C-alpha cells in the first residue's frame, strides 16, 4: 500500500498493520500538487510501481519504478489534456 503523508512524503507498507518492519519512508516530493494516482506494474517486472499525477492542466504523470521500498527507476508518461482527480 502506498500512502502520501503530510502532502509530500511517500510511505510504502506491505499491509501488516501495526508492524513497523512492514513500512518504510521512500521519498519526499517537492511540490504538493503531485498526488498518488495509482499503483500497478508499469514496467512488467511483477512488482508494484507508483503512479503520480500533478493536478494541473494539462495534468502530468510520473512513475516510480519500484523494487520493494526502493526506487529502481523513474519515468514520465503521456500528459492528460484534462484535469482529473484520483
N, C-alpha and C. Protein backbone atom coordinates (compact mmCIF):
# COMPACT_ATOMS: atom_id res chain seq x y z
N UNK A 1 0.84 -1.17 0.00
CA UNK A 1 0.00 0.00 0.00
C UNK A 1 0.89 1.24 0.00
N UNK A 2 0.52 2.22 -0.75
CA UNK A 2 1.26 3.48 -0.80
C UNK A 2 0.43 4.55 -0.10
N UNK A 3 1.09 5.37 0.70
CA UNK A 3 0.43 6.48 1.38
C UNK A 3 1.24 7.75 1.15
N UNK A 4 0.51 8.84 0.96
CA UNK A 4 1.14 10.15 0.87
C UNK A 4 0.85 10.85 2.18
N UNK A 5 1.88 11.14 2.95
CA UNK A 5 1.71 11.76 4.27
C UNK A 5 2.21 13.19 4.24
N UNK A 6 1.54 14.04 4.96
CA UNK A 6 1.90 15.47 5.05
C UNK A 6 1.91 16.13 3.69
N UNK A 7 1.22 15.55 2.71
CA UNK A 7 1.16 16.11 1.37
C UNK A 7 2.42 15.95 0.56
N UNK A 8 3.51 15.44 1.16
CA UNK A 8 4.79 15.38 0.47
C UNK A 8 5.51 14.04 0.57
N UNK A 9 5.30 13.29 1.63
CA UNK A 9 6.11 12.09 1.88
C UNK A 9 5.43 10.84 1.35
N UNK A 10 6.18 10.02 0.62
CA UNK A 10 5.70 8.73 0.15
C UNK A 10 6.17 7.66 1.13
N UNK A 11 5.20 6.89 1.65
CA UNK A 11 5.48 5.77 2.53
C UNK A 11 4.86 4.53 1.92
N UNK A 12 5.56 3.41 1.98
CA UNK A 12 5.03 2.15 1.49
C UNK A 12 4.85 1.18 2.64
N UNK A 13 3.84 0.34 2.53
CA UNK A 13 3.56 -0.66 3.56
C UNK A 13 3.22 -1.97 2.86
N UNK A 14 3.59 -3.08 3.50
CA UNK A 14 3.24 -4.38 2.93
C UNK A 14 1.90 -4.88 3.45
N UNK A 15 1.18 -4.05 4.20
CA UNK A 15 -0.15 -4.39 4.66
C UNK A 15 -0.22 -5.00 6.04
N UNK A 16 0.92 -5.20 6.70
CA UNK A 16 0.91 -5.74 8.06
C UNK A 16 0.70 -4.59 9.03
N UNK A 17 -0.55 -4.30 9.34
CA UNK A 17 -0.90 -3.16 10.19
C UNK A 17 -0.24 -3.26 11.55
N UNK A 18 0.36 -2.16 11.97
CA UNK A 18 0.98 -2.11 13.28
C UNK A 18 2.38 -2.70 13.35
N UNK A 19 2.88 -3.25 12.26
CA UNK A 19 4.22 -3.84 12.25
C UNK A 19 5.17 -2.89 11.54
N UNK A 20 6.02 -2.18 12.26
CA UNK A 20 6.90 -1.19 11.63
C UNK A 20 7.90 -1.79 10.65
N UNK A 21 8.16 -3.08 10.73
CA UNK A 21 9.08 -3.72 9.77
C UNK A 21 8.48 -3.78 8.38
N UNK A 22 7.16 -3.66 8.29
CA UNK A 22 6.50 -3.75 7.01
C UNK A 22 6.21 -2.40 6.38
N UNK A 23 6.80 -1.34 6.91
CA UNK A 23 6.53 0.01 6.41
C UNK A 23 7.82 0.77 6.25
N UNK A 24 7.86 1.66 5.25
CA UNK A 24 9.06 2.45 5.08
C UNK A 24 8.83 3.75 4.34
N UNK A 25 9.62 4.75 4.71
CA UNK A 25 9.65 6.05 4.03
C UNK A 25 10.42 5.87 2.74
N UNK A 26 9.95 6.44 1.66
CA UNK A 26 10.61 6.32 0.36
C UNK A 26 11.24 7.64 -0.07
N UNK A 27 10.43 8.69 -0.17
CA UNK A 27 10.94 9.97 -0.68
C UNK A 27 9.96 11.08 -0.37
N UNK A 28 10.47 12.30 -0.30
CA UNK A 28 9.64 13.49 -0.15
C UNK A 28 9.55 14.18 -1.51
N UNK A 29 8.34 14.49 -1.94
CA UNK A 29 8.16 15.23 -3.19
C UNK A 29 8.19 16.71 -2.89
N UNK A 30 8.74 17.49 -3.80
CA UNK A 30 8.92 18.93 -3.57
C UNK A 30 7.63 19.73 -3.73
N UNK A 31 6.74 19.25 -4.58
CA UNK A 31 5.55 20.01 -4.94
C UNK A 31 4.31 19.25 -4.47
N UNK A 32 3.50 19.84 -3.61
CA UNK A 32 2.32 19.17 -3.07
C UNK A 32 1.20 19.02 -4.10
N UNK A 33 1.36 19.56 -5.30
CA UNK A 33 0.38 19.34 -6.37
C UNK A 33 0.48 17.92 -6.93
N UNK A 34 1.58 17.21 -6.66
CA UNK A 34 1.72 15.81 -7.09
C UNK A 34 0.99 14.92 -6.10
N UNK A 35 0.12 14.06 -6.61
CA UNK A 35 -0.67 13.15 -5.79
C UNK A 35 -0.49 11.72 -6.31
N UNK A 36 -0.55 10.75 -5.40
CA UNK A 36 -0.51 9.36 -5.81
C UNK A 36 -1.80 9.07 -6.57
N UNK A 37 -1.68 8.61 -7.82
CA UNK A 37 -2.85 8.36 -8.66
C UNK A 37 -3.13 6.88 -8.81
N UNK A 38 -2.15 6.04 -8.53
CA UNK A 38 -2.40 4.61 -8.67
C UNK A 38 -1.15 3.78 -8.42
N UNK A 39 -1.38 2.49 -8.27
CA UNK A 39 -0.33 1.51 -8.09
C UNK A 39 -0.53 0.44 -9.16
N UNK A 40 0.54 0.01 -9.79
CA UNK A 40 0.44 -1.04 -10.80
C UNK A 40 1.83 -1.44 -11.26
N UNK A 41 1.90 -2.50 -12.03
CA UNK A 41 3.18 -2.96 -12.58
C UNK A 41 3.36 -2.31 -13.95
N UNK A 42 4.00 -1.15 -13.97
CA UNK A 42 4.12 -0.38 -15.20
C UNK A 42 5.30 -0.79 -16.07
N UNK A 43 6.25 -1.56 -15.52
CA UNK A 43 7.40 -1.98 -16.31
C UNK A 43 7.48 -3.49 -16.54
N UNK A 44 6.46 -4.23 -16.12
CA UNK A 44 6.38 -5.65 -16.40
C UNK A 44 7.32 -6.54 -15.61
N UNK A 45 7.84 -6.04 -14.46
CA UNK A 45 8.77 -6.86 -13.67
C UNK A 45 8.08 -7.64 -12.56
N UNK A 46 6.74 -7.55 -12.49
CA UNK A 46 5.99 -8.27 -11.47
C UNK A 46 5.94 -7.57 -10.13
N UNK A 47 6.48 -6.36 -10.05
CA UNK A 47 6.50 -5.60 -8.79
C UNK A 47 5.65 -4.34 -8.94
N UNK A 48 5.04 -3.93 -7.83
CA UNK A 48 4.18 -2.74 -7.85
C UNK A 48 5.00 -1.47 -7.98
N UNK A 49 4.54 -0.59 -8.86
CA UNK A 49 5.15 0.72 -9.08
C UNK A 49 4.14 1.79 -8.67
N UNK A 50 4.59 3.04 -8.52
CA UNK A 50 3.73 4.12 -8.05
C UNK A 50 3.55 5.15 -9.16
N UNK A 51 2.30 5.42 -9.51
CA UNK A 51 1.95 6.44 -10.50
C UNK A 51 1.58 7.72 -9.78
N UNK A 52 2.26 8.82 -10.12
CA UNK A 52 1.97 10.14 -9.57
C UNK A 52 1.30 10.97 -10.65
N UNK A 53 0.40 11.87 -10.24
CA UNK A 53 -0.23 12.80 -11.18
C UNK A 53 -0.19 14.20 -10.58
N UNK A 54 0.26 15.14 -11.39
CA UNK A 54 0.27 16.55 -10.97
C UNK A 54 -1.06 17.15 -11.41
N UNK A 55 -1.81 17.64 -10.46
CA UNK A 55 -3.17 18.09 -10.73
C UNK A 55 -3.22 19.52 -11.23
N UNK A 56 -2.73 19.69 -12.42
CA UNK A 56 -2.81 20.97 -13.12
C UNK A 56 -3.26 20.67 -14.53
N UNK A 57 -3.57 21.68 -15.30
CA UNK A 57 -3.96 21.47 -16.68
C UNK A 57 -2.85 21.98 -17.59
N UNK A 58 -2.27 21.18 -18.48
CA UNK A 58 -2.54 19.75 -18.60
C UNK A 58 -1.89 18.97 -17.45
N UNK A 59 -2.54 17.91 -17.05
CA UNK A 59 -2.03 17.08 -15.96
C UNK A 59 -0.75 16.37 -16.42
N UNK A 60 0.20 16.21 -15.51
CA UNK A 60 1.43 15.48 -15.79
C UNK A 60 1.44 14.19 -15.01
N UNK A 61 2.05 13.16 -15.56
CA UNK A 61 2.16 11.86 -14.91
C UNK A 61 3.62 11.50 -14.75
N UNK A 62 3.94 10.83 -13.64
CA UNK A 62 5.32 10.42 -13.36
C UNK A 62 5.24 9.07 -12.65
N UNK A 63 6.16 8.18 -12.94
CA UNK A 63 6.12 6.85 -12.36
C UNK A 63 7.41 6.56 -11.62
N UNK A 64 7.27 6.06 -10.39
CA UNK A 64 8.40 5.49 -9.66
C UNK A 64 8.38 3.99 -9.93
N UNK A 65 9.39 3.49 -10.59
CA UNK A 65 9.54 2.05 -10.83
C UNK A 65 10.21 1.47 -9.60
N UNK A 66 9.47 0.64 -8.88
CA UNK A 66 9.89 0.21 -7.55
C UNK A 66 10.49 -1.19 -7.53
N UNK A 67 11.38 -1.41 -6.57
CA UNK A 67 11.89 -2.72 -6.20
C UNK A 67 11.73 -2.79 -4.68
N UNK A 68 10.58 -3.26 -4.23
CA UNK A 68 10.25 -3.19 -2.81
C UNK A 68 10.02 -1.74 -2.42
N UNK A 69 10.75 -1.26 -1.40
CA UNK A 69 10.62 0.14 -0.97
C UNK A 69 11.72 1.01 -1.56
N UNK A 70 12.42 0.51 -2.58
CA UNK A 70 13.49 1.25 -3.24
C UNK A 70 13.05 1.68 -4.63
N UNK A 71 13.30 2.94 -4.98
CA UNK A 71 13.01 3.41 -6.33
C UNK A 71 14.12 2.90 -7.24
N UNK A 72 13.76 1.98 -8.14
CA UNK A 72 14.73 1.38 -9.06
C UNK A 72 14.89 2.22 -10.32
N UNK A 73 13.90 3.03 -10.64
CA UNK A 73 13.95 3.88 -11.82
C UNK A 73 12.77 4.84 -11.80
N UNK A 74 12.80 5.79 -12.71
CA UNK A 74 11.73 6.77 -12.81
C UNK A 74 11.40 6.99 -14.28
N UNK A 75 10.14 7.32 -14.56
CA UNK A 75 9.72 7.52 -15.94
C UNK A 75 8.59 8.53 -15.98
N UNK A 76 8.45 9.20 -17.09
CA UNK A 76 7.29 10.06 -17.31
C UNK A 76 6.34 9.32 -18.24
N UNK A 77 5.08 9.69 -18.19
CA UNK A 77 4.11 9.12 -19.11
C UNK A 77 3.38 10.28 -19.78
N UNK A 78 2.53 9.95 -20.72
CA UNK A 78 1.84 10.97 -21.51
C UNK A 78 1.05 11.92 -20.63
N UNK A 79 1.01 13.18 -21.05
CA UNK A 79 0.21 14.18 -20.33
C UNK A 79 -1.26 13.99 -20.67
N UNK A 80 -2.08 14.33 -19.71
CA UNK A 80 -3.52 14.29 -19.90
C UNK A 80 -3.98 15.70 -20.27
N UNK A 81 -4.95 15.79 -21.16
CA UNK A 81 -5.43 17.09 -21.57
C UNK A 81 -6.43 17.69 -20.60
N UNK A 82 -7.00 16.86 -19.74
CA UNK A 82 -7.97 17.36 -18.78
C UNK A 82 -7.48 17.10 -17.38
N UNK A 83 -7.92 17.92 -16.49
CA UNK A 83 -7.57 17.75 -15.08
C UNK A 83 -8.47 16.69 -14.49
N UNK A 84 -7.86 15.73 -13.79
CA UNK A 84 -8.65 14.69 -13.16
C UNK A 84 -8.18 14.50 -11.74
N UNK A 85 -9.05 14.03 -10.89
CA UNK A 85 -8.69 13.68 -9.52
C UNK A 85 -8.21 12.25 -9.47
N UNK A 86 -8.06 11.75 -8.27
CA UNK A 86 -7.60 10.38 -8.11
C UNK A 86 -8.62 9.40 -8.54
